[in-house]
Amino acid sequence: MPVSAGFLQHVVDQLSASLPVTSRRMFGGARLYAHGLFFGLIHDDVLYLKVNEATRGRYEAAGQRAFDPSVVKPGTKPMGYFSVPEEVVEDPEVLGQWAEEALAVAGAAKR
């Protein structure tokens, strides 16, 4: 299922309260960028943010799951993105905190 325009706009609006977010549609989903870094993605109207070993536990504790890119392109390896709880998506302040953390992870991975 592709990303709905309404959900994509909602997420961008929520994130824009704290970050200069842009999106780019790709392979039926959308990638999210801020400060030139790819820090999040949306697939099937689910928001996923970049994680690392230090941040993954928060997502796992909240019962969230890793994004499986092989559903989009078979044979693709995991990318290190976890789904975000719905209640976080609906709270711009909390979502901004989670997104800033994901942005820091993306920045560290780029270095």
PDB file of N, CA and C in Angstrom:
ATOM      1  N   MET A   1       0.841  -1.179   0.000  1.00  0.00           N
ATOM      2  CA  MET A   1       0.000   0.000   0.000  1.00  0.00           C
ATOM      3  C   MET A   1       0.885   1.241   0.000  1.00  0.00           C
ATOM      4  N   PRO A   2       0.681   2.137  -0.904  1.00  0.00           N
ATOM      5  CA  PRO A   2       1.490   3.359  -0.939  1.00  0.00           C
ATOM      6  C   PRO A   2       1.145   4.289   0.226  1.00  0.00           C
ATOM      7  N   VAL A   3       1.998   5.246   0.451  1.00  0.00           N
ATOM      8  CA  VAL A   3       1.763   6.248   1.486  1.00  0.00           C
ATOM      9  C   VAL A   3       0.653   7.181   1.020  1.00  0.00           C
ATOM     10  N   SER A   4      -0.320   7.404   1.882  1.00  0.00           N
ATOM     11  CA  SER A   4      -1.385   8.336   1.515  1.00  0.00           C
ATOM     12  C   SER A   4      -0.871   9.764   1.652  1.00  0.00           C
ATOM     13  N   ALA A   5      -1.339  10.613   0.767  1.00  0.00           N
ATOM     14  CA  ALA A   5      -0.926  12.021   0.790  1.00  0.00           C
ATOM     15  C   ALA A   5      -1.286  12.668   2.116  1.00  0.00           C
ATOM     16  N   GLY A   6      -2.430  12.301   2.669  1.00  0.00           N
ATOM     17  CA  GLY A   6      -2.874  12.878   3.942  1.00  0.00           C
ATOM     18  C   GLY A   6      -1.969  12.500   5.101  1.00  0.00           C
ATOM     19  N   PHE A   7      -1.570  11.242   5.161  1.00  0.00           N
ATOM     20  CA  PHE A   7      -0.696  10.812   6.259  1.00  0.00           C
ATOM     21  C   PHE A   7       0.675  11.454   6.132  1.00  0.00           C
ATOM     22  N   LEU A   8       1.210  11.476   4.911  1.00  0.00           N
ATOM     23  CA  LEU A   8       2.513  12.095   4.693  1.00  0.00           C
ATOM     24  C   LEU A   8       2.481  13.556   5.121  1.00  0.00           C
ATOM     25  N   GLN A   9       1.456  14.285   4.715  1.00  0.00           N
ATOM     26  CA  GLN A   9       1.357  15.702   5.085  1.00  0.00           C
ATOM     27  C   GLN A   9       1.217  15.868   6.592  1.00  0.00           C
ATOM     28  N   HIS A  10       0.445  14.996   7.233  1.00  0.00           N
ATOM     29  CA  HIS A  10       0.266  15.051   8.689  1.00  0.00           C
ATOM     30  C   HIS A  10       1.606  14.884   9.395  1.00  0.00           C
ATOM     31  N   VAL A  11       2.390  13.897   8.988  1.00  0.00           N
ATOM     32  CA  VAL A  11       3.690  13.648   9.619  1.00  0.00           C
ATOM     33  C   VAL A  11       4.621  14.835   9.390  1.00  0.00           C
ATOM     34  N   VAL A  12       4.677  15.329   8.179  1.00  0.00           N
ATOM     35  CA  VAL A  12       5.537  16.478   7.878  1.00  0.00           C
ATOM     36  C   VAL A  12       5.102  17.689   8.713  1.00  0.00           C
ATOM     37  N   ASP A  13       3.813  17.922   8.825  1.00  0.00           N
ATOM     38  CA  ASP A  13       3.311  19.032   9.642  1.00  0.00           C
ATOM     39  C   ASP A  13       3.704  18.856  11.106  1.00  0.00           C
ATOM     40  N   GLN A  14       3.549  17.652  11.623  1.00  0.00           N
ATOM     41  CA  GLN A  14       3.901  17.387  13.026  1.00  0.00           C
ATOM     42  C   GLN A  14       5.389  17.623  13.258  1.00  0.00           C
ATOM     43  N   LEU A  15       6.216  17.133  12.347  1.00  0.00           N
ATOM     44  CA  LEU A  15       7.669  17.261  12.501  1.00  0.00           C
ATOM     45  C   LEU A  15       8.147  18.687  12.274  1.00  0.00           C
ATOM     46  N   SER A  16       7.446  19.421  11.436  1.00  0.00           N
ATOM     47  CA  SER A  16       7.869  20.787  11.104  1.00  0.00           C
ATOM     48  C   SER A  16       7.801  21.735  12.295  1.00  0.00           C
ATOM     49  N   ALA A  17       7.147  21.325  13.361  1.00  0.00           N
ATOM     50  CA  ALA A  17       7.119  22.138  14.576  1.00  0.00           C
ATOM     51  C   ALA A  17       8.516  22.252  15.188  1.00  0.00           C
ATOM     52  N   SER A  18       9.396  21.273  14.887  1.00  0.00           N
ATOM     53  CA  SER A  18      10.732  21.298  15.484  1.00  0.00           C
ATOM     54  C   SER A  18      11.878  21.143  14.490  1.00  0.00           C
ATOM     55  N   LEU A  19      11.595  20.692  13.275  1.00  0.00           N
ATOM     56  CA  LEU A  19      12.650  20.460  12.284  1.00  0.00           C
ATOM     57  C   LEU A  19      12.235  20.975  10.907  1.00  0.00           C
ATOM     58  N   PRO A  20      13.211  21.399  10.103  1.00  0.00           N
ATOM     59  CA  PRO A  20      12.901  21.775   8.719  1.00  0.00           C
ATOM     60  C   PRO A  20      12.836  20.512   7.852  1.00  0.00           C
ATOM     61  N   VAL A  21      11.705  19.856   7.856  1.00  0.00           N
ATOM     62  CA  VAL A  21      11.554  18.541   7.222  1.00  0.00           C
ATOM     63  C   VAL A  21      11.122  18.666   5.766  1.00  0.00           C
ATOM     64  N   THR A  22      11.733  17.822   4.940  1.00  0.00           N
ATOM     65  CA  THR A  22      11.294  17.669   3.559  1.00  0.00           C
ATOM     66  C   THR A  22      11.070  16.178   3.330  1.00  0.00           C
ATOM     67  N   SER A  23      10.290  15.874   2.308  1.00  0.00           N
ATOM     68  CA  SER A  23      10.039  14.466   1.996  1.00  0.00           C
ATOM     69  C   SER A  23      10.304  14.213   0.523  1.00  0.00           C
ATOM     70  N   ARG A  24      10.597  12.971   0.225  1.00  0.00           N
ATOM     71  CA  ARG A  24      10.805  12.544  -1.155  1.00  0.00           C
ATOM     72  C   ARG A  24      10.150  11.167  -1.296  1.00  0.00           C
ATOM     73  N   ARG A  25       9.217  11.062  -2.215  1.00  0.00           N
ATOM     74  CA  ARG A  25       8.556   9.773  -2.446  1.00  0.00           C
ATOM     75  C   ARG A  25       9.492   8.842  -3.193  1.00  0.00           C
ATOM     76  N   MET A  26       9.543   7.590  -2.726  1.00  0.00           N
ATOM     77  CA  MET A  26      10.382   6.571  -3.356  1.00  0.00           C
ATOM     78  C   MET A  26       9.764   5.197  -3.137  1.00  0.00           C
ATOM     79  N   PHE A  27       9.670   4.404  -4.189  1.00  0.00           N
ATOM     80  CA  PHE A  27       9.229   3.009  -4.114  1.00  0.00           C
ATOM     81  C   PHE A  27       7.910   2.844  -3.370  1.00  0.00           C
ATOM     82  N   GLY A  28       6.969   3.739  -3.570  1.00  0.00           N
ATOM     83  CA  GLY A  28       5.669   3.637  -2.927  1.00  0.00           C
ATOM     84  C   GLY A  28       5.642   4.188  -1.519  1.00  0.00           C
ATOM     85  N   GLY A  29       6.795   4.562  -0.985  1.00  0.00           N
ATOM     86  CA  GLY A  29       6.884   5.141   0.347  1.00  0.00           C
ATOM     87  C   GLY A  29       7.409   6.561   0.251  1.00  0.00           C
ATOM     88  N   ALA A  30       7.903   7.050   1.363  1.00  0.00           N
ATOM     89  CA  ALA A  30       8.488   8.393   1.376  1.00  0.00           C
ATOM     90  C   ALA A  30       9.658   8.412   2.344  1.00  0.00           C
ATOM     91  N   ARG A  31      10.706   9.123   1.958  1.00  0.00           N
ATOM     92  CA  ARG A  31      11.855   9.349   2.832  1.00  0.00           C
ATOM     93  C   ARG A  31      11.718  10.738   3.437  1.00  0.00           C
ATOM     94  N   LEU A  32      12.177  10.870   4.687  1.00  0.00           N
ATOM     95  CA  LEU A  32      12.137  12.152   5.376  1.00  0.00           C
ATOM     96  C   LEU A  32      13.557  12.645   5.612  1.00  0.00           C
ATOM     97  N   TYR A  33      13.758  13.929   5.339  1.00  0.00           N
ATOM     98  CA  TYR A  33      15.079  14.542   5.465  1.00  0.00           C
ATOM     99  C   TYR A  33      14.994  15.807   6.308  1.00  0.00           C
ATOM    100  N   ALA A  34      16.087  16.098   7.004  1.00  0.00           N
ATOM    101  CA  ALA A  34      16.270  17.381   7.683  1.00  0.00           C
ATOM    102  C   ALA A  34      17.763  17.656   7.697  1.00  0.00           C
ATOM    103  N   HIS A  35      18.131  18.881   7.439  1.00  0.00           N
ATOM    104  CA  HIS A  35      19.546  19.273   7.401  1.00  0.00           C
ATOM    105  C   HIS A  35      20.358  18.373   6.466  1.00  0.00           C
ATOM    106  N   GLY A  36      19.722  17.912   5.382  1.00  0.00           N
ATOM    107  CA  GLY A  36      20.403  17.077   4.402  1.00  0.00           C
ATOM    108  C   GLY A  36      20.588  15.631   4.803  1.00  0.00           C
ATOM    109  N   LEU A  37      19.999  15.220   5.919  1.00  0.00           N
ATOM    110  CA  LEU A  37      20.155  13.838   6.395  1.00  0.00           C
ATOM    111  C   LEU A  37      18.842  13.066   6.283  1.00  0.00           C
ATOM    112  N   PHE A  38      18.941  11.821   5.842  1.00  0.00           N
ATOM    113  CA  PHE A  38      17.806  10.896   5.743  1.00  0.00           C
ATOM    114  C   PHE A  38      17.636  10.260   7.123  1.00  0.00           C
ATOM    115  N   PHE A  39      16.591  10.673   7.842  1.00  0.00           N
ATOM    116  CA  PHE A  39      16.409  10.217   9.220  1.00  0.00           C
ATOM    117  C   PHE A  39      15.126   9.432   9.457  1.00  0.00           C
ATOM    118  N   GLY A  40      14.222   9.412   8.496  1.00  0.00           N
ATOM    119  CA  GLY A  40      12.966   8.717   8.688  1.00  0.00           C
ATOM    120  C   GLY A  40      12.352   8.298   7.373  1.00  0.00           C
ATOM    121  N   LEU A  41      11.384   7.396   7.474  1.00  0.00           N
ATOM    122  CA  LEU A  41      10.668   6.964   6.276  1.00  0.00           C
ATOM    123  C   LEU A  41       9.243   6.612   6.647  1.00  0.00           C
ATOM    124  N   ILE A  42       8.412   6.627   5.639  1.00  0.00           N
ATOM    125  CA  ILE A  42       7.011   6.237   5.808  1.00  0.00           C
ATOM    126  C   ILE A  42       6.717   5.155   4.785  1.00  0.00           C
ATOM    127  N   HIS A  43       6.121   4.071   5.263  1.00  0.00           N
ATOM    128  CA  HIS A  43       5.709   2.972   4.391  1.00  0.00           C
ATOM    129  C   HIS A  43       4.380   2.454   4.927  1.00  0.00           C
ATOM    130  N   ASP A  44       3.422   2.274   4.051  1.00  0.00           N
ATOM    131  CA  ASP A  44       2.076   1.808   4.439  1.00  0.00           C
ATOM    132  C   ASP A  44       1.487   2.653   5.566  1.00  0.00           C
ATOM    133  N   ASP A  45       1.696   3.965   5.480  1.00  0.00           N
ATOM    134  CA  ASP A  45       1.194   4.907   6.479  1.00  0.00           C
ATOM    135  C   ASP A  45       1.678   4.592   7.892  1.00  0.00           C
ATOM    136  N   VAL A  46       2.914   4.133   7.982  1.00  0.00           N
ATOM    137  CA  VAL A  46       3.593   3.931   9.264  1.00  0.00           C
ATOM    138  C   VAL A  46       4.881   4.739   9.200  1.00  0.00           C
ATOM    139  N   LEU A  47       5.135   5.518  10.254  1.00  0.00           N
ATOM    140  CA  LEU A  47       6.363   6.297  10.347  1.00  0.00           C
ATOM    141  C   LEU A  47       7.446   5.452  11.008  1.00  0.00           C
ATOM    142  N   TYR A  48       8.628   5.461  10.412  1.00  0.00           N
ATOM    143  CA  TYR A  48       9.805   4.776  10.949  1.00  0.00           C
ATOM    144  C   TYR A  48      10.918   5.806  11.102  1.00  0.00           C
ATOM    145  N   LEU A  49      11.662   5.723  12.215  1.00  0.00           N
ATOM    146  CA  LEU A  49      12.795   6.617  12.436  1.00  0.00           C
ATOM    147  C   LEU A  49      14.079   5.816  12.585  1.00  0.00           C
ATOM    148  N   LYS A  50      15.192   6.449  12.245  1.00  0.00           N
ATOM    149  CA  LYS A  50      16.523   5.834  12.291  1.00  0.00           C
ATOM    150  C   LYS A  50      16.908   5.549  13.735  1.00  0.00           C
ATOM    151  N   VAL A  51      17.433   4.358  13.978  1.00  0.00           N
ATOM    152  CA  VAL A  51      17.880   3.958  15.314  1.00  0.00           C
ATOM    153  C   VAL A  51      19.302   3.415  15.250  1.00  0.00           C
ATOM    154  N   ASN A  52      19.910   3.302  16.422  1.00  0.00           N
ATOM    155  CA  ASN A  52      21.186   2.614  16.562  1.00  0.00           C
ATOM    156  C   ASN A  52      21.114   1.759  17.828  1.00  0.00           C
ATOM    157  N   GLU A  53      22.212   1.180  18.219  1.00  0.00           N
ATOM    158  CA  GLU A  53      22.214   0.303  19.396  1.00  0.00           C
ATOM    159  C   GLU A  53      21.753   1.040  20.655  1.00  0.00           C
ATOM    160  N   ALA A  54      22.127   2.315  20.771  1.00  0.00           N
ATOM    161  CA  ALA A  54      21.785   3.086  21.964  1.00  0.00           C
ATOM    162  C   ALA A  54      20.317   3.496  22.013  1.00  0.00           C
ATOM    163  N   THR A  55      19.671   3.652  20.866  1.00  0.00           N
ATOM    164  CA  THR A  55      18.290   4.157  20.841  1.00  0.00           C
ATOM    165  C   THR A  55      17.236   3.091  20.553  1.00  0.00           C
ATOM    166  N   ARG A  56      17.644   1.958  20.043  1.00  0.00           N
ATOM    167  CA  ARG A  56      16.698   0.909  19.650  1.00  0.00           C
ATOM    168  C   ARG A  56      15.815   0.438  20.806  1.00  0.00           C
ATOM    169  N   GLY A  57      16.368   0.406  22.008  1.00  0.00           N
ATOM    170  CA  GLY A  57      15.631  -0.115  23.160  1.00  0.00           C
ATOM    171  C   GLY A  57      14.333   0.619  23.441  1.00  0.00           C
ATOM    172  N   ARG A  58      14.310   1.917  23.221  1.00  0.00           N
ATOM    173  CA  ARG A  58      13.084   2.689  23.451  1.00  0.00           C
ATOM    174  C   ARG A  58      11.959   2.186  22.550  1.00  0.00           C
ATOM    175  N   TYR A  59      12.288   1.900  21.316  1.00  0.00           N
ATOM    176  CA  TYR A  59      11.302   1.428  20.341  1.00  0.00           C
ATOM    177  C   TYR A  59      10.844   0.007  20.690  1.00  0.00           C
ATOM    178  N   GLU A  60      11.800  -0.833  21.025  1.00  0.00           N
ATOM    179  CA  GLU A  60      11.460  -2.209  21.392  1.00  0.00           C
ATOM    180  C   GLU A  60      10.595  -2.243  22.649  1.00  0.00           C
ATOM    181  N   ALA A  61      10.931  -1.392  23.633  1.00  0.00           N
ATOM    182  CA  ALA A  61      10.143  -1.343  24.865  1.00  0.00           C
ATOM    183  C   ALA A  61       8.717  -0.890  24.605  1.00  0.00           C
ATOM    184  N   ALA A  62       8.539  -0.085  23.567  1.00  0.00           N
ATOM    185  CA  ALA A  62       7.201   0.387  23.200  1.00  0.00           C
ATOM    186  C   ALA A  62       6.478  -0.599  22.277  1.00  0.00           C
ATOM    187  N   GLY A  63       7.102  -1.760  22.021  1.00  0.00           N
ATOM    188  CA  GLY A  63       6.472  -2.793  21.195  1.00  0.00           C
ATOM    189  C   GLY A  63       6.530  -2.518  19.703  1.00  0.00           C
ATOM    190  N   GLN A  64       7.469  -1.673  19.281  1.00  0.00           N
ATOM    191  CA  GLN A  64       7.564  -1.313  17.867  1.00  0.00           C
ATOM    192  C   GLN A  64       8.418  -2.310  17.100  1.00  0.00           C
ATOM    193  N   ARG A  65       8.341  -2.252  15.773  1.00  0.00           N
ATOM    194  CA  ARG A  65       9.028  -3.234  14.938  1.00  0.00           C
ATOM    195  C   ARG A  65       9.981  -2.550  13.956  1.00  0.00           C
ATOM    196  N   ALA A  66      10.955  -3.305  13.539  1.00  0.00           N
ATOM    197  CA  ALA A  66      11.916  -2.801  12.554  1.00  0.00           C
ATOM    198  C   ALA A  66      11.274  -2.787  11.172  1.00  0.00           C
ATOM    199  N   PHE A  67      11.680  -1.817  10.365  1.00  0.00           N
ATOM    200  CA  PHE A  67      11.234  -1.769   8.982  1.00  0.00           C
ATOM    201  C   PHE A  67      11.933  -2.874   8.212  1.00  0.00           C
ATOM    202  N   ASP A  68      11.173  -3.613   7.435  1.00  0.00           N
ATOM    203  CA  ASP A  68      11.718  -4.693   6.613  1.00  0.00           C
ATOM    204  C   ASP A  68      11.702  -4.228   5.162  1.00  0.00           C
ATOM    205  N   PRO A  69      12.849  -3.757   4.664  1.00  0.00           N
ATOM    206  CA  PRO A  69      12.872  -3.224   3.302  1.00  0.00           C
ATOM    207  C   PRO A  69      12.660  -4.277   2.223  1.00  0.00           C
ATOM    208  N   SER A  70      12.745  -5.555   2.587  1.00  0.00           N
ATOM    209  CA  SER A  70      12.537  -6.583   1.570  1.00  0.00           C
ATOM    210  C   SER A  70      11.084  -6.631   1.088  1.00  0.00           C
ATOM    211  N   VAL A  71      10.157  -5.976   1.822  1.00  0.00           N
ATOM    212  CA  VAL A  71       8.776  -5.914   1.346  1.00  0.00           C
ATOM    213  C   VAL A  71       8.673  -4.974   0.150  1.00  0.00           C
ATOM    214  N   VAL A  72       9.627  -4.062   0.029  1.00  0.00           N
ATOM    215  CA  VAL A  72       9.656  -3.116  -1.081  1.00  0.00           C
ATOM    216  C   VAL A  72      10.539  -3.643  -2.203  1.00  0.00           C
ATOM    217  N   LYS A  73      11.705  -4.155  -1.820  1.00  0.00           N
ATOM    218  CA  LYS A  73      12.671  -4.645  -2.789  1.00  0.00           C
ATOM    219  C   LYS A  73      13.286  -5.936  -2.236  1.00  0.00           C
ATOM    220  N   PRO A  74      12.853  -7.095  -2.719  1.00  0.00           N
ATOM    221  CA  PRO A  74      13.363  -8.368  -2.212  1.00  0.00           C
ATOM    222  C   PRO A  74      14.896  -8.425  -2.216  1.00  0.00           C
ATOM    223  N   GLY A  75      15.429  -9.003  -1.149  1.00  0.00           N
ATOM    224  CA  GLY A  75      16.872  -9.148  -1.036  1.00  0.00           C
ATOM    225  C   GLY A  75      17.566  -7.963  -0.377  1.00  0.00           C
ATOM    226  N   THR A  76      16.802  -6.920  -0.046  1.00  0.00           N
ATOM    227  CA  THR A  76      17.381  -5.737   0.589  1.00  0.00           C
ATOM    228  C   THR A  76      17.637  -6.021   2.062  1.00  0.00           C
ATOM    229  N   LYS A  77      18.767  -5.525   2.563  1.00  0.00           N
ATOM    230  CA  LYS A  77      19.143  -5.737   3.961  1.00  0.00           C
ATOM    231  C   LYS A  77      18.467  -4.702   4.867  1.00  0.00           C
ATOM    232  N   PRO A  78      18.308  -5.037   6.157  1.00  0.00           N
ATOM    233  CA  PRO A  78      17.712  -4.089   7.109  1.00  0.00           C
ATOM    234  C   PRO A  78      18.459  -2.759   7.112  1.00  0.00           C
ATOM    235  N   MET A  79      17.697  -1.686   7.367  1.00  0.00           N
ATOM    236  CA  MET A  79      18.245  -0.342   7.287  1.00  0.00           C
ATOM    237  C   MET A  79      18.383   0.354   8.633  1.00  0.00           C
ATOM    238  N   GLY A  80      17.912  -0.229   9.712  1.00  0.00           N
ATOM    239  CA  GLY A  80      18.020   0.408  11.017  1.00  0.00           C
ATOM    240  C   GLY A  80      16.949   1.439  11.308  1.00  0.00           C
ATOM    241  N   TYR A  81      15.721   1.179  10.879  1.00  0.00           N
ATOM    242  CA  TYR A  81      14.595   2.069  11.144  1.00  0.00           C
ATOM    243  C   TYR A  81      13.522   1.282  11.896  1.00  0.00           C
ATOM    244  N   PHE A  82      12.920   1.918  12.916  1.00  0.00           N
ATOM    245  CA  PHE A  82      11.866   1.288  13.702  1.00  0.00           C
ATOM    246  C   PHE A  82      10.603   2.131  13.634  1.00  0.00           C
ATOM    247  N   SER A  83       9.450   1.455  13.702  1.00  0.00           N
ATOM    248  CA  SER A  83       8.171   2.156  13.693  1.00  0.00           C
ATOM    249  C   SER A  83       8.039   3.009  14.956  1.00  0.00           C
ATOM    250  N   VAL A  84       7.248   4.062  14.830  1.00  0.00           N
ATOM    251  CA  VAL A  84       7.032   5.014  15.909  1.00  0.00           C
ATOM    252  C   VAL A  84       5.623   4.807  16.447  1.00  0.00           C
ATOM    253  N   PRO A  85       5.469   4.746  17.783  1.00  0.00           N
ATOM    254  CA  PRO A  85       4.121   4.574  18.344  1.00  0.00           C
ATOM    255  C   PRO A  85       3.171   5.684  17.884  1.00  0.00           C
ATOM    256  N   GLU A  86       1.933   5.331  17.659  1.00  0.00           N
ATOM    257  CA  GLU A  86       0.933   6.281  17.172  1.00  0.00           C
ATOM    258  C   GLU A  86       0.791   7.480  18.101  1.00  0.00           C
ATOM    259  N   GLU A  87       0.850   7.245  19.413  1.00  0.00           N
ATOM    260  CA  GLU A  87       0.695   8.355  20.353  1.00  0.00           C
ATOM    261  C   GLU A  87       1.864   9.347  20.260  1.00  0.00           C
ATOM    262  N   VAL A  88       3.026   8.880  19.843  1.00  0.00           N
ATOM    263  CA  VAL A  88       4.163   9.770  19.632  1.00  0.00           C
ATOM    264  C   VAL A  88       3.939  10.591  18.360  1.00  0.00           C
ATOM    265  N   VAL A  89       3.466   9.953  17.307  1.00  0.00           N
ATOM    266  CA  VAL A  89       3.189  10.664  16.048  1.00  0.00           C
ATOM    267  C   VAL A  89       2.185  11.792  16.286  1.00  0.00           C
ATOM    268  N   GLU A  90       1.249  11.584  17.181  1.00  0.00           N
ATOM    269  CA  GLU A  90       0.192  12.568  17.422  1.00  0.00           C
ATOM    270  C   GLU A  90       0.598  13.690  18.365  1.00  0.00           C
ATOM    271  N   ASP A  91       1.772  13.623  18.968  1.00  0.00           N
ATOM    272  CA  ASP A  91       2.250  14.661  19.894  1.00  0.00           C
ATOM    273  C   ASP A  91       3.467  15.350  19.280  1.00  0.00           C
ATOM    274  N   PRO A  92       3.292  16.533  18.692  1.00  0.00           N
ATOM    275  CA  PRO A  92       4.400  17.174  17.981  1.00  0.00           C
ATOM    276  C   PRO A  92       5.648  17.388  18.834  1.00  0.00           C
ATOM    277  N   GLU A  93       5.469  17.693  20.104  1.00  0.00           N
ATOM    278  CA  GLU A  93       6.626  17.927  20.976  1.00  0.00           C
ATOM    279  C   GLU A  93       7.420  16.641  21.191  1.00  0.00           C
ATOM    280  N   VAL A  94       6.742  15.576  21.531  1.00  0.00           N
ATOM    281  CA  VAL A  94       7.416  14.293  21.752  1.00  0.00           C
ATOM    282  C   VAL A  94       7.984  13.763  20.442  1.00  0.00           C
ATOM    283  N   LEU A  95       7.212  13.870  19.366  1.00  0.00           N
ATOM    284  CA  LEU A  95       7.701  13.418  18.069  1.00  0.00           C
ATOM    285  C   LEU A  95       8.955  14.191  17.682  1.00  0.00           C
ATOM    286  N   GLY A  96       8.980  15.475  17.963  1.00  0.00           N
ATOM    287  CA  GLY A  96      10.166  16.274  17.683  1.00  0.00           C
ATOM    288  C   GLY A  96      11.391  15.761  18.419  1.00  0.00           C
ATOM    289  N   GLN A  97      11.212  15.341  19.662  1.00  0.00           N
ATOM    290  CA  GLN A  97      12.323  14.790  20.444  1.00  0.00           C
ATOM    291  C   GLN A  97      12.824  13.486  19.827  1.00  0.00           C
ATOM    292  N   TRP A  98      11.896  12.617  19.446  1.00  0.00           N
ATOM    293  CA  TRP A  98      12.277  11.344  18.832  1.00  0.00           C
ATOM    294  C   TRP A  98      12.971  11.600  17.494  1.00  0.00           C
ATOM    295  N   ALA A  99      12.470  12.564  16.741  1.00  0.00           N
ATOM    296  CA  ALA A  99      13.052  12.872  15.432  1.00  0.00           C
ATOM    297  C   ALA A  99      14.442  13.476  15.580  1.00  0.00           C
ATOM    298  N   GLU A 100      14.647  14.345  16.554  1.00  0.00           N
ATOM    299  CA  GLU A 100      15.977  14.922  16.794  1.00  0.00           C
ATOM    300  C   GLU A 100      16.979  13.812  17.117  1.00  0.00           C
ATOM    301  N   GLU A 101      16.546  12.852  17.901  1.00  0.00           N
ATOM    302  CA  GLU A 101      17.397  11.708  18.240  1.00  0.00           C
ATOM    303  C   GLU A 101      17.732  10.899  16.980  1.00  0.00           C
ATOM    304  N   ALA A 102      16.727  10.672  16.134  1.00  0.00           N
ATOM    305  CA  ALA A 102      16.942   9.932  14.885  1.00  0.00           C
ATOM    306  C   ALA A 102      17.863  10.706  13.955  1.00  0.00           C
ATOM    307  N   LEU A 103      17.731  12.010  13.948  1.00  0.00           N
ATOM    308  CA  LEU A 103      18.595  12.854  13.135  1.00  0.00           C
ATOM    309  C   LEU A 103      20.051  12.764  13.610  1.00  0.00           C
ATOM    310  N   ALA A 104      20.248  12.736  14.921  1.00  0.00           N
ATOM    311  CA  ALA A 104      21.602  12.577  15.470  1.00  0.00           C
ATOM    312  C   ALA A 104      22.178  11.228  15.087  1.00  0.00           C
ATOM    313  N   VAL A 105      21.348  10.186  15.114  1.00  0.00           N
ATOM    314  CA  VAL A 105      21.811   8.843  14.700  1.00  0.00           C
ATOM    315  C   VAL A 105      22.198   8.860  13.227  1.00  0.00           C
ATOM    316  N   ALA A 106      21.382   9.496  12.396  1.00  0.00           N
ATOM    317  CA  ALA A 106      21.685   9.577  10.961  1.00  0.00           C
ATOM    318  C   ALA A 106      22.980  10.347  10.733  1.00  0.00           C
ATOM    319  N   GLY A 107      23.176  11.423  11.485  1.00  0.00           N
ATOM    320  CA  GLY A 107      24.401  12.205  11.353  1.00  0.00           C
ATOM    321  C   GLY A 107      25.633  11.421  11.758  1.00  0.00           C
ATOM    322  N   ALA A 108      25.528  10.662  12.845  1.00  0.00           N
ATOM    323  CA  ALA A 108      26.656   9.847  13.300  1.00  0.00           C
ATOM    324  C   ALA A 108      26.956   8.736  12.298  1.00  0.00           C
ATOM    325  N   ALA A 109      25.911   8.161  11.716  1.00  0.00           N
ATOM    326  CA  ALA A 109      26.118   7.091  10.724  1.00  0.00           C
ATOM    327  C   ALA A 109      26.780   7.626   9.462  1.00  0.00           C
ATOM    328  N   LYS A 110      26.477   8.870   9.115  1.00  0.00           N
ATOM    329  CA  LYS A 110      27.055   9.464   7.911  1.00  0.00           C
ATOM    330  C   LYS A 110      28.552   9.699   8.092  1.00  0.00           C
ATOM    331  N   ARG A 111      28.957  10.034   9.318  1.00  0.00           N
ATOM    332  CA  ARG A 111      30.381  10.266   9.590  1.00  0.00           C
ATOM    333  C   ARG A 111      31.108   8.963   9.600  1.00  0.00           C
TER     334      ARG A 111
END
